[in-house]
Amino acid sequence: MSSARSALYVEGKNDEKAISSLLKRQGIDTETKTRKFDIKPATMSDEKSTQSVETLITSIYESVRRSANKPMGFVLDADSDIQSRWDAVRFQLKK
């Protein structure tokens, strides 16, 4: 199943709210029904949100595969080992 709109994937609900607030402060439409993209917490194949950076990283491959060539983005914390986070993201994208 492909998404009808572009998507910005985040770690969890708190990140979803924070991103929406940042967008609103910059004058970008944050109304779910009218904005041009979705902000989605990370999910696994069973569609349950586990709200973690690990879930977000492991969901990258499947999210890209289902994207139907729509633009997408991923927002994740890099507050610990930045190089290993980047390596994990790169690995998923290279698949």
PDB file of N, CA and C in Angstrom:
ATOM      1  N   MET A   1       0.840  -1.172   0.000  1.00  0.00           N
ATOM      2  CA  MET A   1       0.000   0.000   0.000  1.00  0.00           C
ATOM      3  C   MET A   1       0.887   1.238   0.000  1.00  0.00           C
ATOM      4  N   SER A   2       0.710   2.122  -0.934  1.00  0.00           N
ATOM      5  CA  SER A   2       1.524   3.331  -0.982  1.00  0.00           C
ATOM      6  C   SER A   2       0.754   4.508  -0.394  1.00  0.00           C
ATOM      7  N   SER A   3       1.489   5.416   0.153  1.00  0.00           N
ATOM      8  CA  SER A   3       0.900   6.607   0.747  1.00  0.00           C
ATOM      9  C   SER A   3       0.429   7.555  -0.346  1.00  0.00           C
ATOM     10  N   ALA A   4      -0.700   8.217  -0.118  1.00  0.00           N
ATOM     11  CA  ALA A   4      -1.226   9.165  -1.093  1.00  0.00           C
ATOM     12  C   ALA A   4      -0.392  10.445  -1.127  1.00  0.00           C
ATOM     13  N   ARG A   5       0.270  10.754  -0.025  1.00  0.00           N
ATOM     14  CA  ARG A   5       1.054  11.986   0.056  1.00  0.00           C
ATOM     15  C   ARG A   5       2.481  11.668   0.479  1.00  0.00           C
ATOM     16  N   SER A   6       3.325  12.664   0.344  1.00  0.00           N
ATOM     17  CA  SER A   6       4.694  12.539   0.848  1.00  0.00           C
ATOM     18  C   SER A   6       4.636  12.383   2.362  1.00  0.00           C
ATOM     19  N   ALA A   7       5.730  11.902   2.951  1.00  0.00           N
ATOM     20  CA  ALA A   7       5.713  11.650   4.387  1.00  0.00           C
ATOM     21  C   ALA A   7       7.020  12.080   5.035  1.00  0.00           C
ATOM     22  N   LEU A   8       6.900  12.530   6.271  1.00  0.00           N
ATOM     23  CA  LEU A   8       8.031  12.816   7.134  1.00  0.00           C
ATOM     24  C   LEU A   8       7.885  11.882   8.328  1.00  0.00           C
ATOM     25  N   TYR A   9       8.797  10.923   8.448  1.00  0.00           N
ATOM     26  CA  TYR A   9       8.735   9.930   9.517  1.00  0.00           C
ATOM     27  C   TYR A   9       9.550  10.406  10.712  1.00  0.00           C
ATOM     28  N   VAL A  10       8.972  10.259  11.898  1.00  0.00           N
ATOM     29  CA  VAL A  10       9.605  10.691  13.137  1.00  0.00           C
ATOM     30  C   VAL A  10       9.618   9.522  14.121  1.00  0.00           C
ATOM     31  N   GLU A  11      10.368   9.671  15.211  1.00  0.00           N
ATOM     32  CA  GLU A  11      10.491   8.589  16.186  1.00  0.00           C
ATOM     33  C   GLU A  11       9.192   8.292  16.934  1.00  0.00           C
ATOM     34  N   GLY A  12       8.426   9.296  17.266  1.00  0.00           N
ATOM     35  CA  GLY A  12       7.210   9.058  18.042  1.00  0.00           C
ATOM     36  C   GLY A  12       6.289  10.255  18.071  1.00  0.00           C
ATOM     37  N   LYS A  13       5.237  10.149  18.866  1.00  0.00           N
ATOM     38  CA  LYS A  13       4.211  11.198  18.949  1.00  0.00           C
ATOM     39  C   LYS A  13       4.777  12.531  19.436  1.00  0.00           C
ATOM     40  N   ASN A  14       5.703  12.505  20.390  1.00  0.00           N
ATOM     41  CA  ASN A  14       6.283  13.761  20.879  1.00  0.00           C
ATOM     42  C   ASN A  14       7.032  14.478  19.759  1.00  0.00           C
ATOM     43  N   ASP A  15       7.761  13.713  18.943  1.00  0.00           N
ATOM     44  CA  ASP A  15       8.476  14.315  17.821  1.00  0.00           C
ATOM     45  C   ASP A  15       7.500  14.848  16.777  1.00  0.00           C
ATOM     46  N   GLU A  16       6.400  14.134  16.579  1.00  0.00           N
ATOM     47  CA  GLU A  16       5.360  14.581  15.642  1.00  0.00           C
ATOM     48  C   GLU A  16       4.825  15.954  16.071  1.00  0.00           C
ATOM     49  N   LYS A  17       4.556  16.102  17.349  1.00  0.00           N
ATOM     50  CA  LYS A  17       4.055  17.381  17.877  1.00  0.00           C
ATOM     51  C   LYS A  17       5.107  18.480  17.771  1.00  0.00           C
ATOM     52  N   ALA A  18       6.362  18.145  18.080  1.00  0.00           N
ATOM     53  CA  ALA A  18       7.436  19.136  18.011  1.00  0.00           C
ATOM     54  C   ALA A  18       7.641  19.627  16.578  1.00  0.00           C
ATOM     55  N   ILE A  19       7.655  18.722  15.621  1.00  0.00           N
ATOM     56  CA  ILE A  19       7.828  19.104  14.217  1.00  0.00           C
ATOM     57  C   ILE A  19       6.662  19.970  13.764  1.00  0.00           C
ATOM     58  N   SER A  20       5.444  19.590  14.128  1.00  0.00           N
ATOM     59  CA  SER A  20       4.271  20.396  13.767  1.00  0.00           C
ATOM     60  C   SER A  20       4.370  21.804  14.330  1.00  0.00           C
ATOM     61  N   SER A  21       4.832  21.915  15.577  1.00  0.00           N
ATOM     62  CA  SER A  21       4.995  23.237  16.196  1.00  0.00           C
ATOM     63  C   SER A  21       6.051  24.068  15.470  1.00  0.00           C
ATOM     64  N   LEU A  22       7.166  23.435  15.116  1.00  0.00           N
ATOM     65  CA  LEU A  22       8.214  24.151  14.376  1.00  0.00           C
ATOM     66  C   LEU A  22       7.700  24.626  13.017  1.00  0.00           C
ATOM     67  N   LEU A  23       6.964  23.779  12.333  1.00  0.00           N
ATOM     68  CA  LEU A  23       6.406  24.161  11.029  1.00  0.00           C
ATOM     69  C   LEU A  23       5.442  25.332  11.169  1.00  0.00           C
ATOM     70  N   LYS A  24       4.591  25.261  12.186  1.00  0.00           N
ATOM     71  CA  LYS A  24       3.621  26.331  12.414  1.00  0.00           C
ATOM     72  C   LYS A  24       4.317  27.658  12.668  1.00  0.00           C
ATOM     73  N   ARG A  25       5.396  27.632  13.475  1.00  0.00           N
ATOM     74  CA  ARG A  25       6.153  28.857  13.748  1.00  0.00           C
ATOM     75  C   ARG A  25       6.761  29.455  12.491  1.00  0.00           C
ATOM     76  N   GLN A  26       7.028  28.605  11.498  1.00  0.00           N
ATOM     77  CA  GLN A  26       7.611  29.078  10.233  1.00  0.00           C
ATOM     78  C   GLN A  26       6.545  29.399   9.185  1.00  0.00           C
ATOM     79  N   GLY A  27       5.275  29.363   9.577  1.00  0.00           N
ATOM     80  CA  GLY A  27       4.190  29.713   8.673  1.00  0.00           C
ATOM     81  C   GLY A  27       3.831  28.614   7.689  1.00  0.00           C
ATOM     82  N   ILE A  28       4.218  27.380   7.990  1.00  0.00           N
ATOM     83  CA  ILE A  28       3.911  26.254   7.111  1.00  0.00           C
ATOM     84  C   ILE A  28       2.641  25.586   7.605  1.00  0.00           C
ATOM     85  N   ASP A  29       1.764  25.226   6.696  1.00  0.00           N
ATOM     86  CA  ASP A  29       0.486  24.611   7.019  1.00  0.00           C
ATOM     87  C   ASP A  29       0.683  23.375   7.891  1.00  0.00           C
ATOM     88  N   THR A  30       0.016  23.347   9.033  1.00  0.00           N
ATOM     89  CA  THR A  30       0.123  22.196   9.926  1.00  0.00           C
ATOM     90  C   THR A  30      -1.203  21.454  10.075  1.00  0.00           C
ATOM     91  N   GLU A  31      -2.221  21.900   9.364  1.00  0.00           N
ATOM     92  CA  GLU A  31      -3.504  21.203   9.412  1.00  0.00           C
ATOM     93  C   GLU A  31      -3.382  19.880   8.669  1.00  0.00           C
ATOM     94  N   THR A  32      -3.640  18.809   9.354  1.00  0.00           N
ATOM     95  CA  THR A  32      -3.438  17.468   8.811  1.00  0.00           C
ATOM     96  C   THR A  32      -4.111  17.273   7.456  1.00  0.00           C
ATOM     97  N   LYS A  33      -5.305  17.765   7.280  1.00  0.00           N
ATOM     98  CA  LYS A  33      -6.048  17.518   6.038  1.00  0.00           C
ATOM     99  C   LYS A  33      -5.590  18.375   4.867  1.00  0.00           C
ATOM    100  N   THR A  34      -4.944  19.501   5.116  1.00  0.00           N
ATOM    101  CA  THR A  34      -4.592  20.400   4.016  1.00  0.00           C
ATOM    102  C   THR A  34      -3.099  20.472   3.713  1.00  0.00           C
ATOM    103  N   ARG A  35      -2.247  20.058   4.641  1.00  0.00           N
ATOM    104  CA  ARG A  35      -0.818  20.129   4.325  1.00  0.00           C
ATOM    105  C   ARG A  35      -0.482  19.089   3.260  1.00  0.00           C
ATOM    106  N   LYS A  36       0.616  19.283   2.584  1.00  0.00           N
ATOM    107  CA  LYS A  36       0.961  18.461   1.430  1.00  0.00           C
ATOM    108  C   LYS A  36       1.714  17.190   1.787  1.00  0.00           C
ATOM    109  N   PHE A  37       1.929  16.954   3.074  1.00  0.00           N
ATOM    110  CA  PHE A  37       2.644  15.753   3.492  1.00  0.00           C
ATOM    111  C   PHE A  37       2.124  15.302   4.850  1.00  0.00           C
ATOM    112  N   ASP A  38       2.373  14.048   5.160  1.00  0.00           N
ATOM    113  CA  ASP A  38       2.002  13.496   6.452  1.00  0.00           C
ATOM    114  C   ASP A  38       3.219  13.470   7.362  1.00  0.00           C
ATOM    115  N   ILE A  39       2.983  13.635   8.650  1.00  0.00           N
ATOM    116  CA  ILE A  39       4.017  13.415   9.656  1.00  0.00           C
ATOM    117  C   ILE A  39       3.602  12.147  10.379  1.00  0.00           C
ATOM    118  N   LYS A  40       4.466  11.129  10.304  1.00  0.00           N
ATOM    119  CA  LYS A  40       4.098   9.817  10.828  1.00  0.00           C
ATOM    120  C   LYS A  40       5.129   9.307  11.827  1.00  0.00           C
ATOM    121  N   PRO A  41       4.654   8.816  12.976  1.00  0.00           N
ATOM    122  CA  PRO A  41       5.578   8.133  13.884  1.00  0.00           C
ATOM    123  C   PRO A  41       6.054   6.830  13.245  1.00  0.00           C
ATOM    124  N   ALA A  42       7.216   6.390  13.639  1.00  0.00           N
ATOM    125  CA  ALA A  42       7.784   5.151  13.109  1.00  0.00           C
ATOM    126  C   ALA A  42       6.878   3.968  13.418  1.00  0.00           C
ATOM    127  N   THR A  43       6.713   3.104  12.438  1.00  0.00           N
ATOM    128  CA  THR A  43       5.936   1.888  12.633  1.00  0.00           C
ATOM    129  C   THR A  43       6.672   0.709  12.034  1.00  0.00           C
ATOM    130  N   MET A  44       6.343  -0.448  12.508  1.00  0.00           N
ATOM    131  CA  MET A  44       6.866  -1.673  11.922  1.00  0.00           C
ATOM    132  C   MET A  44       5.791  -2.233  11.001  1.00  0.00           C
ATOM    133  N   SER A  45       6.030  -3.380  10.408  1.00  0.00           N
ATOM    134  CA  SER A  45       5.106  -3.932   9.419  1.00  0.00           C
ATOM    135  C   SER A  45       3.714  -4.197   9.981  1.00  0.00           C
ATOM    136  N   ASP A  46       3.593  -4.361  11.294  1.00  0.00           N
ATOM    137  CA  ASP A  46       2.270  -4.581  11.882  1.00  0.00           C
ATOM    138  C   ASP A  46       1.538  -3.258  12.145  1.00  0.00           C
ATOM    139  N   GLU A  47       2.145  -2.139  11.720  1.00  0.00           N
ATOM    140  CA  GLU A  47       1.573  -0.786  11.819  1.00  0.00           C
ATOM    141  C   GLU A  47       1.419  -0.287  13.253  1.00  0.00           C
ATOM    142  N   LYS A  48       2.053  -0.925  14.215  1.00  0.00           N
ATOM    143  CA  LYS A  48       2.014  -0.445  15.595  1.00  0.00           C
ATOM    144  C   LYS A  48       3.212   0.457  15.832  1.00  0.00           C
ATOM    145  N   SER A  49       2.961   1.617  16.382  1.00  0.00           N
ATOM    146  CA  SER A  49       4.040   2.554  16.672  1.00  0.00           C
ATOM    147  C   SER A  49       4.730   2.138  17.968  1.00  0.00           C
ATOM    148  N   THR A  50       6.047   1.954  17.902  1.00  0.00           N
ATOM    149  CA  THR A  50       6.790   1.631  19.111  1.00  0.00           C
ATOM    150  C   THR A  50       7.621   2.818  19.581  1.00  0.00           C
ATOM    151  N   GLN A  51       7.598   3.901  18.842  1.00  0.00           N
ATOM    152  CA  GLN A  51       8.207   5.156  19.237  1.00  0.00           C
ATOM    153  C   GLN A  51       9.640   5.023  19.713  1.00  0.00           C
ATOM    154  N   SER A  52      10.512   4.607  18.813  1.00  0.00           N
ATOM    155  CA  SER A  52      11.925   4.533  19.149  1.00  0.00           C
ATOM    156  C   SER A  52      12.765   4.799  17.909  1.00  0.00           C
ATOM    157  N   VAL A  53      13.991   5.219  18.136  1.00  0.00           N
ATOM    158  CA  VAL A  53      14.881   5.469  17.019  1.00  0.00           C
ATOM    159  C   VAL A  53      15.188   4.161  16.286  1.00  0.00           C
ATOM    160  N   GLU A  54      15.268   3.068  17.026  1.00  0.00           N
ATOM    161  CA  GLU A  54      15.535   1.785  16.385  1.00  0.00           C
ATOM    162  C   GLU A  54      14.414   1.397  15.434  1.00  0.00           C
ATOM    163  N   THR A  55      13.176   1.613  15.863  1.00  0.00           N
ATOM    164  CA  THR A  55      12.036   1.329  14.997  1.00  0.00           C
ATOM    165  C   THR A  55      12.078   2.205  13.752  1.00  0.00           C
ATOM    166  N   LEU A  56      12.383   3.483  13.940  1.00  0.00           N
ATOM    167  CA  LEU A  56      12.470   4.384  12.803  1.00  0.00           C
ATOM    168  C   LEU A  56      13.540   3.919  11.825  1.00  0.00           C
ATOM    169  N   ILE A  57      14.708   3.593  12.319  1.00  0.00           N
ATOM    170  CA  ILE A  57      15.801   3.160  11.437  1.00  0.00           C
ATOM    171  C   ILE A  57      15.437   1.882  10.701  1.00  0.00           C
ATOM    172  N   THR A  58      14.888   0.904  11.408  1.00  0.00           N
ATOM    173  CA  THR A  58      14.565  -0.354  10.741  1.00  0.00           C
ATOM    174  C   THR A  58      13.367  -0.236   9.807  1.00  0.00           C
ATOM    175  N   SER A  59      12.567   0.815   9.961  1.00  0.00           N
ATOM    176  CA  SER A  59      11.419   0.998   9.066  1.00  0.00           C
ATOM    177  C   SER A  59      11.778   1.778   7.795  1.00  0.00           C
ATOM    178  N   ILE A  60      12.991   2.310   7.719  1.00  0.00           N
ATOM    179  CA  ILE A  60      13.381   3.128   6.567  1.00  0.00           C
ATOM    180  C   ILE A  60      13.263   2.347   5.262  1.00  0.00           C
ATOM    181  N   TYR A  61      13.813   1.153   5.218  1.00  0.00           N
ATOM    182  CA  TYR A  61      13.795   0.367   3.980  1.00  0.00           C
ATOM    183  C   TYR A  61      12.367   0.166   3.470  1.00  0.00           C
ATOM    184  N   GLU A  62      11.484  -0.292   4.344  1.00  0.00           N
ATOM    185  CA  GLU A  62      10.103  -0.569   3.941  1.00  0.00           C
ATOM    186  C   GLU A  62       9.374   0.717   3.566  1.00  0.00           C
ATOM    187  N   SER A  63       9.612   1.790   4.281  1.00  0.00           N
ATOM    188  CA  SER A  63       8.971   3.070   3.975  1.00  0.00           C
ATOM    189  C   SER A  63       9.374   3.572   2.593  1.00  0.00           C
ATOM    190  N   VAL A  64      10.649   3.477   2.283  1.00  0.00           N
ATOM    191  CA  VAL A  64      11.136   3.902   0.965  1.00  0.00           C
ATOM    192  C   VAL A  64      10.544   3.001  -0.123  1.00  0.00           C
ATOM    193  N   ARG A  65      10.525   1.705   0.131  1.00  0.00           N
ATOM    194  CA  ARG A  65       9.995   0.750  -0.844  1.00  0.00           C
ATOM    195  C   ARG A  65       8.523   1.036  -1.168  1.00  0.00           C
ATOM    196  N   ARG A  66       7.747   1.428  -0.165  1.00  0.00           N
ATOM    197  CA  ARG A  66       6.319   1.688  -0.368  1.00  0.00           C
ATOM    198  C   ARG A  66       6.016   3.123  -0.796  1.00  0.00           C
ATOM    199  N   SER A  67       7.008   3.942  -0.969  1.00  0.00           N
ATOM    200  CA  SER A  67       6.797   5.377  -1.173  1.00  0.00           C
ATOM    201  C   SER A  67       6.183   5.748  -2.511  1.00  0.00           C
ATOM    202  N   ALA A  68       6.203   4.860  -3.476  1.00  0.00           N
ATOM    203  CA  ALA A  68       5.665   5.157  -4.812  1.00  0.00           C
ATOM    204  C   ALA A  68       6.323   6.408  -5.393  1.00  0.00           C
ATOM    205  N   ASN A  69       7.628   6.536  -5.161  1.00  0.00           N
ATOM    206  CA  ASN A  69       8.418   7.662  -5.668  1.00  0.00           C
ATOM    207  C   ASN A  69       7.964   9.025  -5.157  1.00  0.00           C
ATOM    208  N   LYS A  70       7.301   9.060  -4.027  1.00  0.00           N
ATOM    209  CA  LYS A  70       6.927  10.328  -3.393  1.00  0.00           C
ATOM    210  C   LYS A  70       8.086  10.774  -2.500  1.00  0.00           C
ATOM    211  N   PRO A  71       8.311  12.085  -2.385  1.00  0.00           N
ATOM    212  CA  PRO A  71       9.361  12.557  -1.478  1.00  0.00           C
ATOM    213  C   PRO A  71       9.061  12.140  -0.041  1.00  0.00           C
ATOM    214  N   MET A  72      10.111  11.842   0.705  1.00  0.00           N
ATOM    215  CA  MET A  72       9.947  11.480   2.103  1.00  0.00           C
ATOM    216  C   MET A  72      11.173  11.899   2.887  1.00  0.00           C
ATOM    217  N   GLY A  73      10.997  11.989   4.174  1.00  0.00           N
ATOM    218  CA  GLY A  73      12.103  12.340   5.042  1.00  0.00           C
ATOM    219  C   GLY A  73      12.009  11.588   6.350  1.00  0.00           C
ATOM    220  N   PHE A  74      13.120  11.577   7.070  1.00  0.00           N
ATOM    221  CA  PHE A  74      13.196  10.891   8.354  1.00  0.00           C
ATOM    222  C   PHE A  74      13.872  11.824   9.340  1.00  0.00           C
ATOM    223  N   VAL A  75      13.257  12.015  10.497  1.00  0.00           N
ATOM    224  CA  VAL A  75      13.825  12.855  11.544  1.00  0.00           C
ATOM    225  C   VAL A  75      14.125  11.953  12.730  1.00  0.00           C
ATOM    226  N   LEU A  76      15.418  11.883  13.095  1.00  0.00           N
ATOM    227  CA  LEU A  76      15.786  11.060  14.228  1.00  0.00           C
ATOM    228  C   LEU A  76      16.812  11.773  15.081  1.00  0.00           C
ATOM    229  N   ASP A  77      16.803  11.428  16.357  1.00  0.00           N
ATOM    230  CA  ASP A  77      17.757  12.020  17.289  1.00  0.00           C
ATOM    231  C   ASP A  77      19.162  11.528  16.975  1.00  0.00           C
ATOM    232  N   ALA A  78      20.104  12.407  17.122  1.00  0.00           N
ATOM    233  CA  ALA A  78      21.514  12.041  16.954  1.00  0.00           C
ATOM    234  C   ALA A  78      22.252  12.478  18.206  1.00  0.00           C
ATOM    235  N   ASP A  79      21.644  12.189  19.350  1.00  0.00           N
ATOM    236  CA  ASP A  79      22.198  12.658  20.606  1.00  0.00           C
ATOM    237  C   ASP A  79      23.200  11.701  21.232  1.00  0.00           C
ATOM    238  N   SER A  80      23.400  10.550  20.617  1.00  0.00           N
ATOM    239  CA  SER A  80      24.429   9.646  21.126  1.00  0.00           C
ATOM    240  C   SER A  80      25.507   9.498  20.055  1.00  0.00           C
ATOM    241  N   ASP A  81      25.875   8.313  19.684  1.00  0.00           N
ATOM    242  CA  ASP A  81      26.929   8.083  18.702  1.00  0.00           C
ATOM    243  C   ASP A  81      26.438   8.444  17.292  1.00  0.00           C
ATOM    244  N   ILE A  82      26.745   9.649  16.869  1.00  0.00           N
ATOM    245  CA  ILE A  82      26.244  10.172  15.601  1.00  0.00           C
ATOM    246  C   ILE A  82      26.702   9.320  14.423  1.00  0.00           C
ATOM    247  N   GLN A  83      27.952   8.904  14.412  1.00  0.00           N
ATOM    248  CA  GLN A  83      28.465   8.112  13.288  1.00  0.00           C
ATOM    249  C   GLN A  83      27.738   6.778  13.160  1.00  0.00           C
ATOM    250  N   SER A  84      27.472   6.114  14.267  1.00  0.00           N
ATOM    251  CA  SER A  84      26.770   4.830  14.170  1.00  0.00           C
ATOM    252  C   SER A  84      25.320   5.024  13.743  1.00  0.00           C
ATOM    253  N   ARG A  85      24.683   6.134  14.146  1.00  0.00           N
ATOM    254  CA  ARG A  85      23.326   6.431  13.672  1.00  0.00           C
ATOM    255  C   ARG A  85      23.336   6.609  12.157  1.00  0.00           C
ATOM    256  N   TRP A  86      24.284   7.426  11.680  1.00  0.00           N
ATOM    257  CA  TRP A  86      24.379   7.683  10.250  1.00  0.00           C
ATOM    258  C   TRP A  86      24.667   6.388   9.492  1.00  0.00           C
ATOM    259  N   ASP A  87      25.547   5.556  10.007  1.00  0.00           N
ATOM    260  CA  ASP A  87      25.852   4.274   9.372  1.00  0.00           C
ATOM    261  C   ASP A  87      24.607   3.387   9.285  1.00  0.00           C
ATOM    262  N   ALA A  88      23.794   3.372  10.341  1.00  0.00           N
ATOM    263  CA  ALA A  88      22.573   2.568  10.344  1.00  0.00           C
ATOM    264  C   ALA A  88      21.575   3.073   9.306  1.00  0.00           C
ATOM    265  N   VAL A  89      21.433   4.395   9.198  1.00  0.00           N
ATOM    266  CA  VAL A  89      20.539   4.983   8.200  1.00  0.00           C
ATOM    267  C   VAL A  89      21.049   4.670   6.789  1.00  0.00           C
ATOM    268  N   ARG A  90      22.332   4.855   6.569  1.00  0.00           N
ATOM    269  CA  ARG A  90      22.924   4.566   5.255  1.00  0.00           C
ATOM    270  C   ARG A  90      22.720   3.109   4.867  1.00  0.00           C
ATOM    271  N   PHE A  91      22.900   2.195   5.815  1.00  0.00           N
ATOM    272  CA  PHE A  91      22.709   0.778   5.541  1.00  0.00           C
ATOM    273  C   PHE A  91      21.283   0.508   5.051  1.00  0.00           C
ATOM    274  N   GLN A  92      20.290   1.097   5.719  1.00  0.00           N
ATOM    275  CA  GLN A  92      18.900   0.896   5.303  1.00  0.00           C
ATOM    276  C   GLN A  92      18.638   1.473   3.910  1.00  0.00           C
ATOM    277  N   LEU A  93      19.218   2.626   3.636  1.00  0.00           N
ATOM    278  CA  LEU A  93      18.999   3.261   2.326  1.00  0.00           C
ATOM    279  C   LEU A  93      19.711   2.511   1.197  1.00  0.00           C
ATOM    280  N   LYS A  94      20.851   1.924   1.516  1.00  0.00           N
ATOM    281  CA  LYS A  94      21.586   1.169   0.488  1.00  0.00           C
ATOM    282  C   LYS A  94      20.874  -0.120   0.100  1.00  0.00           C
ATOM    283  N   LYS A  95      20.059  -0.680   1.029  1.00  0.00           N
ATOM    284  CA  LYS A  95      19.345  -1.916   0.724  1.00  0.00           C
ATOM    285  C   LYS A  95      18.460  -1.702  -0.476  1.00  0.00           C
TER     286      LYS A  95
END
